[in-house]
Structure formats: C-alpha cells, structure tokens
C-alpha cells in the first residue's frame, strides 16, 4: 500500500515557525517518517478501511 502525502504548507512558513520554536523545519513527509522511525509499531493512519502502522 502506498500512501501519498501532500504538504500544503509553504516552506517559508515552516522555516519561520521553526525559527520561532513553534515546530521543526520539516515537511509533512519528513515529520511522518521521523515518527514512524521513532515508533514503528504505532498506528499512523486511521480511515474507513482501518488502521495502518
């Protein structure tokens, strides 16, 4: 199963938020991957078809 994630946040916003300490300067895929690597068995996606770890 391939999950396609689209990051709609402009990079300039992300960098500003990172500088302000609001969030890390990572796109949606990088954030998703970091969480997956930190805890590979944790549920990542929930939809009408079920869950995906």
PDB file of N, CA and C in Angstrom:
ATOM      1  N   UNK A   1       0.844  -1.179   0.000  1.00  0.00           N
ATOM      2  CA  UNK A   1       0.000   0.000   0.000  1.00  0.00           C
ATOM      3  C   UNK A   1       0.885   1.237   0.000  1.00  0.00           C
ATOM      4  N   UNK A   2       0.630   2.149  -0.897  1.00  0.00           N
ATOM      5  CA  UNK A   2       1.376   3.399  -0.970  1.00  0.00           C
ATOM      6  C   UNK A   2       0.486   4.531  -0.492  1.00  0.00           C
ATOM      7  N   UNK A   3       1.013   5.307   0.422  1.00  0.00           N
ATOM      8  CA  UNK A   3       0.292   6.444   0.959  1.00  0.00           C
ATOM      9  C   UNK A   3       0.949   7.704   0.444  1.00  0.00           C
ATOM     10  N   UNK A   4       0.188   8.542  -0.226  1.00  0.00           N
ATOM     11  CA  UNK A   4       0.721   9.782  -0.772  1.00  0.00           C
ATOM     12  C   UNK A   4       0.297  10.949   0.118  1.00  0.00           C
ATOM     13  N   UNK A   5       1.291  11.690   0.613  1.00  0.00           N
ATOM     14  CA  UNK A   5       1.035  12.831   1.477  1.00  0.00           C
ATOM     15  C   UNK A   5       1.442  14.110   0.748  1.00  0.00           C
ATOM     16  N   UNK A   6       0.568  15.083   0.730  1.00  0.00           N
ATOM     17  CA  UNK A   6       0.857  16.360   0.082  1.00  0.00           C
ATOM     18  C   UNK A   6       1.049  17.434   1.145  1.00  0.00           C
ATOM     19  N   UNK A   7       2.191  18.097   1.099  1.00  0.00           N
ATOM     20  CA  UNK A   7       2.482  19.169   2.047  1.00  0.00           C
ATOM     21  C   UNK A   7       2.011  20.482   1.439  1.00  0.00           C
ATOM     22  N   UNK A   8       1.015  21.090   2.042  1.00  0.00           N
ATOM     23  CA  UNK A   8       0.452  22.333   1.531  1.00  0.00           C
ATOM     24  C   UNK A   8       0.979  23.569   2.256  1.00  0.00           C
ATOM     25  N   UNK A   9       1.887  23.367   3.210  1.00  0.00           N
ATOM     26  CA  UNK A   9       2.451  24.491   3.959  1.00  0.00           C
ATOM     27  C   UNK A   9       3.674  25.012   3.204  1.00  0.00           C
ATOM     28  N   UNK A  10       3.665  26.285   2.828  1.00  0.00           N
ATOM     29  CA  UNK A  10       4.834  26.846   2.143  1.00  0.00           C
ATOM     30  C   UNK A  10       6.091  26.741   3.017  1.00  0.00           C
ATOM     31  N   UNK A  11       7.212  26.446   2.388  1.00  0.00           N
ATOM     32  CA  UNK A  11       8.475  26.272   3.106  1.00  0.00           C
ATOM     33  C   UNK A  11       8.855  27.516   3.893  1.00  0.00           C
ATOM     34  N   UNK A  12       8.508  28.684   3.398  1.00  0.00           N
ATOM     35  CA  UNK A  12       8.842  29.915   4.124  1.00  0.00           C
ATOM     36  C   UNK A  12       8.118  29.972   5.467  1.00  0.00           C
ATOM     37  N   UNK A  13       6.872  29.533   5.496  1.00  0.00           N
ATOM     38  CA  UNK A  13       6.125  29.481   6.759  1.00  0.00           C
ATOM     39  C   UNK A  13       6.792  28.509   7.723  1.00  0.00           C
ATOM     40  N   UNK A  14       7.132  27.308   7.213  1.00  0.00           N
ATOM     41  CA  UNK A  14       7.742  26.275   8.042  1.00  0.00           C
ATOM     42  C   UNK A  14       9.040  26.781   8.667  1.00  0.00           C
ATOM     43  N   UNK A  15       9.876  27.452   7.864  1.00  0.00           N
ATOM     44  CA  UNK A  15      11.137  27.976   8.385  1.00  0.00           C
ATOM     45  C   UNK A  15      10.902  29.048   9.449  1.00  0.00           C
ATOM     46  N   UNK A  16       9.918  29.922   9.226  1.00  0.00           N
ATOM     47  CA  UNK A  16       9.614  30.953  10.205  1.00  0.00           C
ATOM     48  C   UNK A  16       9.115  30.326  11.501  1.00  0.00           C
ATOM     49  N   UNK A  17       8.217  29.344  11.384  1.00  0.00           N
ATOM     50  CA  UNK A  17       7.697  28.666  12.573  1.00  0.00           C
ATOM     51  C   UNK A  17       8.822  27.959  13.317  1.00  0.00           C
ATOM     52  N   UNK A  18       9.771  27.372  12.576  1.00  0.00           N
ATOM     53  CA  UNK A  18      10.910  26.706  13.207  1.00  0.00           C
ATOM     54  C   UNK A  18      11.762  27.726  13.956  1.00  0.00           C
ATOM     55  N   UNK A  19      12.001  28.871  13.348  1.00  0.00           N
ATOM     56  CA  UNK A  19      12.792  29.919  13.997  1.00  0.00           C
ATOM     57  C   UNK A  19      12.106  30.422  15.262  1.00  0.00           C
ATOM     58  N   UNK A  20      10.778  30.436  15.258  1.00  0.00           N
ATOM     59  CA  UNK A  20      10.003  30.879  16.420  1.00  0.00           C
ATOM     60  C   UNK A  20       9.845  29.767  17.458  1.00  0.00           C
ATOM     61  N   UNK A  21      10.288  28.535  17.123  1.00  0.00           N
ATOM     62  CA  UNK A  21      10.181  27.410  18.040  1.00  0.00           C
ATOM     63  C   UNK A  21       8.817  26.747  18.055  1.00  0.00           C
ATOM     64  N   UNK A  22       7.975  27.070  17.062  1.00  0.00           N
ATOM     65  CA  UNK A  22       6.616  26.514  17.003  1.00  0.00           C
ATOM     66  C   UNK A  22       6.628  25.062  16.523  1.00  0.00           C
ATOM     67  N   UNK A  23       7.480  24.756  15.544  1.00  0.00           N
ATOM     68  CA  UNK A  23       7.553  23.406  15.006  1.00  0.00           C
ATOM     69  C   UNK A  23       8.909  23.207  14.332  1.00  0.00           C
ATOM     70  N   UNK A  24       9.295  21.961  14.074  1.00  0.00           N
ATOM     71  CA  UNK A  24      10.560  21.721  13.387  1.00  0.00           C
ATOM     72  C   UNK A  24      10.458  22.122  11.910  1.00  0.00           C
ATOM     73  N   UNK A  25      11.576  22.419  11.296  1.00  0.00           N
ATOM     74  CA  UNK A  25      11.597  22.798   9.878  1.00  0.00           C
ATOM     75  C   UNK A  25      11.632  21.539   9.014  1.00  0.00           C
ATOM     76  N   UNK A  26      10.527  20.797   9.042  1.00  0.00           N
ATOM     77  CA  UNK A  26      10.413  19.562   8.271  1.00  0.00           C
ATOM     78  C   UNK A  26       9.097  19.572   7.511  1.00  0.00           C
ATOM     79  N   UNK A  27       9.121  19.006   6.305  1.00  0.00           N
ATOM     80  CA  UNK A  27       7.870  18.892   5.561  1.00  0.00           C
ATOM     81  C   UNK A  27       7.046  17.744   6.137  1.00  0.00           C
ATOM     82  N   UNK A  28       5.826  17.607   5.675  1.00  0.00           N
ATOM     83  CA  UNK A  28       4.909  16.609   6.222  1.00  0.00           C
ATOM     84  C   UNK A  28       5.471  15.197   6.114  1.00  0.00           C
ATOM     85  N   UNK A  29       6.069  14.862   4.976  1.00  0.00           N
ATOM     86  CA  UNK A  29       6.634  13.526   4.805  1.00  0.00           C
ATOM     87  C   UNK A  29       7.750  13.285   5.821  1.00  0.00           C
ATOM     88  N   UNK A  30       8.642  14.258   5.988  1.00  0.00           N
ATOM     89  CA  UNK A  30       9.760  14.097   6.918  1.00  0.00           C
ATOM     90  C   UNK A  30       9.260  13.933   8.353  1.00  0.00           C
ATOM     91  N   UNK A  31       8.237  14.690   8.742  1.00  0.00           N
ATOM     92  CA  UNK A  31       7.655  14.537  10.076  1.00  0.00           C
ATOM     93  C   UNK A  31       7.043  13.148  10.249  1.00  0.00           C
ATOM     94  N   UNK A  32       6.290  12.710   9.247  1.00  0.00           N
ATOM     95  CA  UNK A  32       5.658  11.391   9.279  1.00  0.00           C
ATOM     96  C   UNK A  32       6.726  10.304   9.409  1.00  0.00           C
ATOM     97  N   UNK A  33       7.779  10.411   8.599  1.00  0.00           N
ATOM     98  CA  UNK A  33       8.857   9.422   8.616  1.00  0.00           C
ATOM     99  C   UNK A  33       9.573   9.414   9.964  1.00  0.00           C
ATOM    100  N   UNK A  34       9.844  10.577  10.531  1.00  0.00           N
ATOM    101  CA  UNK A  34      10.523  10.650  11.823  1.00  0.00           C
ATOM    102  C   UNK A  34       9.705   9.948  12.907  1.00  0.00           C
ATOM    103  N   UNK A  35       8.392  10.153  12.904  1.00  0.00           N
ATOM    104  CA  UNK A  35       7.531   9.483  13.885  1.00  0.00           C
ATOM    105  C   UNK A  35       7.494   7.982  13.635  1.00  0.00           C
ATOM    106  N   UNK A  36       7.474   7.581  12.362  1.00  0.00           N
ATOM    107  CA  UNK A  36       7.463   6.153  12.028  1.00  0.00           C
ATOM    108  C   UNK A  36       8.742   5.484  12.491  1.00  0.00           C
ATOM    109  N   UNK A  37       9.876   6.137  12.267  1.00  0.00           N
ATOM    110  CA  UNK A  37      11.155   5.560  12.681  1.00  0.00           C
ATOM    111  C   UNK A  37      11.283   5.497  14.202  1.00  0.00           C
ATOM    112  N   UNK A  38      10.721   6.483  14.890  1.00  0.00           N
ATOM    113  CA  UNK A  38      10.805   6.516  16.351  1.00  0.00           C
ATOM    114  C   UNK A  38       9.958   5.426  17.001  1.00  0.00           C
ATOM    115  N   UNK A  39       8.841   5.065  16.379  1.00  0.00           N
ATOM    116  CA  UNK A  39       7.930   4.075  16.967  1.00  0.00           C
ATOM    117  C   UNK A  39       7.236   3.314  15.839  1.00  0.00           C
ATOM    118  N   UNK A  40       7.939   2.351  15.203  1.00  0.00           N
ATOM    119  CA  UNK A  40       7.419   1.681  14.003  1.00  0.00           C
ATOM    120  C   UNK A  40       6.113   0.914  14.182  1.00  0.00           C
ATOM    121  N   UNK A  41       5.783   0.493  15.385  1.00  0.00           N
ATOM    122  CA  UNK A  41       4.558  -0.272  15.593  1.00  0.00           C
ATOM    123  C   UNK A  41       3.339   0.566  15.912  1.00  0.00           C
ATOM    124  N   UNK A  42       3.522   1.859  16.071  1.00  0.00           N
ATOM    125  CA  UNK A  42       2.421   2.752  16.442  1.00  0.00           C
ATOM    126  C   UNK A  42       1.477   2.991  15.261  1.00  0.00           C
ATOM    127  N   UNK A  43       0.194   3.109  15.535  1.00  0.00           N
ATOM    128  CA  UNK A  43      -0.784   3.398  14.490  1.00  0.00           C
ATOM    129  C   UNK A  43      -0.486   4.781  13.905  1.00  0.00           C
ATOM    130  N   UNK A  44      -0.407   4.851  12.576  1.00  0.00           N
ATOM    131  CA  UNK A  44      -0.051   6.096  11.898  1.00  0.00           C
ATOM    132  C   UNK A  44      -1.239   6.724  11.182  1.00  0.00           C
ATOM    133  N   UNK A  45      -2.092   5.884  10.617  1.00  0.00           N
ATOM    134  CA  UNK A  45      -3.214   6.381   9.825  1.00  0.00           C
ATOM    135  C   UNK A  45      -4.460   5.610  10.220  1.00  0.00           C
ATOM    136  N   UNK A  46      -5.557   6.327  10.373  1.00  0.00           N
ATOM    137  CA  UNK A  46      -6.856   5.714  10.659  1.00  0.00           C
ATOM    138  C   UNK A  46      -7.842   6.243   9.638  1.00  0.00           C
ATOM    139  N   UNK A  47      -8.517   5.338   8.930  1.00  0.00           N
ATOM    140  CA  UNK A  47      -9.565   5.743   7.992  1.00  0.00           C
ATOM    141  C   UNK A  47     -10.649   4.683   7.968  1.00  0.00           C
ATOM    142  N   UNK A  48     -11.580   4.824   7.033  1.00  0.00           N
ATOM    143  CA  UNK A  48     -12.711   3.893   6.990  1.00  0.00           C
ATOM    144  C   UNK A  48     -12.286   2.449   6.701  1.00  0.00           C
ATOM    145  N   UNK A  49     -11.101   2.262   6.139  1.00  0.00           N
ATOM    146  CA  UNK A  49     -10.607   0.912   5.848  1.00  0.00           C
ATOM    147  C   UNK A  49      -9.928   0.266   7.055  1.00  0.00           C
ATOM    148  N   UNK A  50      -9.623   1.055   8.060  1.00  0.00           N
ATOM    149  CA  UNK A  50      -8.969   0.510   9.247  1.00  0.00           C
ATOM    150  C   UNK A  50      -7.793   1.367   9.661  1.00  0.00           C
ATOM    151  N   UNK A  51      -6.747   0.698  10.146  1.00  0.00           N
ATOM    152  CA  UNK A  51      -5.563   1.413  10.613  1.00  0.00           C
ATOM    153  C   UNK A  51      -4.341   0.951   9.843  1.00  0.00           C
ATOM    154  N   UNK A  52      -3.306   1.788   9.862  1.00  0.00           N
ATOM    155  CA  UNK A  52      -2.053   1.469   9.201  1.00  0.00           C
ATOM    156  C   UNK A  52      -0.923   1.811  10.166  1.00  0.00           C
ATOM    157  N   UNK A  53      -0.014   0.839  10.376  1.00  0.00           N
ATOM    158  CA  UNK A  53       1.131   1.097  11.249  1.00  0.00           C
ATOM    159  C   UNK A  53       2.365   1.343  10.414  1.00  0.00           C
TER     160      UNK A  53
END
